[in-house]
Every structure is written in structure tokens, then in C-alpha cells.
Amino acid sequence: MHVERFFAPALGVEKQYVVYLPPSYASEPRRRFPVVYYLHGFSGNESDWVSLAGIDVIADSLVARGMPEMILVMPDGDDGWYTNWAVARGYQECASGAGADRAAPTFCVADPRYADYIARDLVRHVDSTYRTLADRRHRAIAGLSMGGYGAVTLALEHPDRFVAAASHSGVLAPLYAGPHPFALPLRTQTSVDSLRVGWGGMWPAIAPAFGPTIASWEAREPARLARRLKATGQPVPDLFIDVGTEDHLADQSRAFHAELSGLGIPHAYAEWPGKHDWKYWHAHVGESLRWLADRVRP
């Protein structure tokens, strides 16, 4: 495990990331490895997957039992939703109030282009710093909650970069309005006022990223990204989705699952007992590690 920093041009600041190098990285200096990026959730940071889920210990255990080795990269995504924000916010605006609950140098950026930061800056930096297999075929992305949203949307927006994506408890249908519990036909929010009500106390934290109009939200909706990508005829990344049966976001995963099924896009989907918490993610991160390892194996 290493903690590193690099300058991200898309954000205009330095960002920190944690990298897990597999057991053979040091002992086989000519060997190159696949890479999987793991994104944290809202209010989290780059250390969460290690400190709260033990992803490094789980990866070591799975490798010892035969899982292909791969590099894991866990970046700091602030509360940026891993999208290029619809409403720009500069460093000084963040430092003077919008991010006042955190230290500005660790949280504020000059330009909140978080999608470009991950898919371009970070991928380029990792491929130039570590012995990676630097192509789509050997690169994947995963995340939880906000990070699940980021993993799926980044893969759908950059199918030339990622062969697969996995979402644990992801925000996969931000416009979903009901029914609750999930049932077809699904309903979506049709006005900014209803969106504001639906998101409640989270509205101030997501509105700048997704924007002030239904159109700007639709442009970031995972199902619409999937539909648009399929229409181009390009390969759709392999997708893995899971959620806890007691998770308050379960209906969003169910809605996205239904949308993908309606589009005829193959994907893996699972629901297991659990809530929206680290107990659940610790219990199931091994599922995504094994699934992704099979897709990026040399």
C-alpha cells in the first residue's frame, strides 16, 4: 500500500490517492498488471476502502486463492460526484464557505471537472507511474454509493477507457421518483422543484454537480448514458450492480437494472441482505474484486 499525490490538470490542484500493488509487483519487475479504480462515497476519502472495508486484506486473500493479480487505485474524489460540474465553483468560493467543513487544501479545487480528473488525468498518471497494462481491455472501475454512480457513468461515458464497471449500493437513478417499493412502470422527476423535494437535505450537495435544470440531470442519468452508448454501436462495458435489500437506495439500483434489461444490455445484478453501510460493503467488495478480475485478466 502506498499513499501518493499528483497534480490533476482538470481540477487545477494536487490530489491524493492510495494504491495497492499486488504481491508479485516487487518480485516480478518485468511484469505488467491490470488496474481497477475504486471510488469512495459521499463524505468519504481515498483511504475508506482500506480503512473501513479492508480491501487490501481481501485482495491478498483472494489472490492467495487464485484470483488474478491487479493494481488497485483509490483516488480522492471530494464530494464531486465524479462528474464535470454543471455549475462551476472556484477554489476561493469553496474555501470561503461551500467547503468550510473541511480544510480547503484537501477539499477545494480550481475547476470541478471530476470526470476528466478520473478518466483522463488519473488514468494517464497511473499508466505512466506504474507497470500497468495500459489499455481498455485491462482497466476497470468500481465504487460505492456516490462512487457507484461515478464508476458506472465514467465507464459509459468512456467506453474506450474501461472494459467493466461495478457499483455497490450506487446512486444509479438520480431522477427516480417511484413507485416505492420499486415497480414498473417507473416514474421520474419532471421538475427542479420536485427534484429538490425528492433529494431533501442532500440537494445543496448534489445540485451544483448535476445542475439547475432537468436537462442537465438527464445528461448525467446512467440509464440515458447507457441508451446513448448502445445507439452508437460501440461496445458497452460489462456492468456489475449490487445493493442491500434494506438500503434506502435499493429502488434506484432496481430501476437501473430494469432499464438495462429493457435495453437488452447484459449485466450482473444481485441483492443481498444489508443496509447502506460499511458492514455491507466490507462483506461484498470481494464479489466485485473477483468479477472485475475475470474481466481484466491478461
Foldseek 3Di string as FASTA:
>chain_A
DDKDWDQQPQFRAIWIKDKDFAPCCVVPVVDAFFEEEEEEAAPDFRCCCCPLQVPNVLLNVVVVVPQDDHMYMGIGQALLLQAQWPAWDALVNCCVPVVVVDHSNHHGTGGSHRVCRPQPVVLVVCVVPGRHPNFQQRYAYEYEASRNLNRLQSCLVCVRRHQEYEYENYQQALQWDDDVVHDPPTDGDDFLVVSCVVCDPCCVSCDRRQHRGPVSVCVSHSLNSNVVSVVVVDDRHEYEYEYEPAEPSVSSSVVSVVSCVVVVHDYHYYYDHDYRDSVVCSVCVSVVSRVVSVRNPD
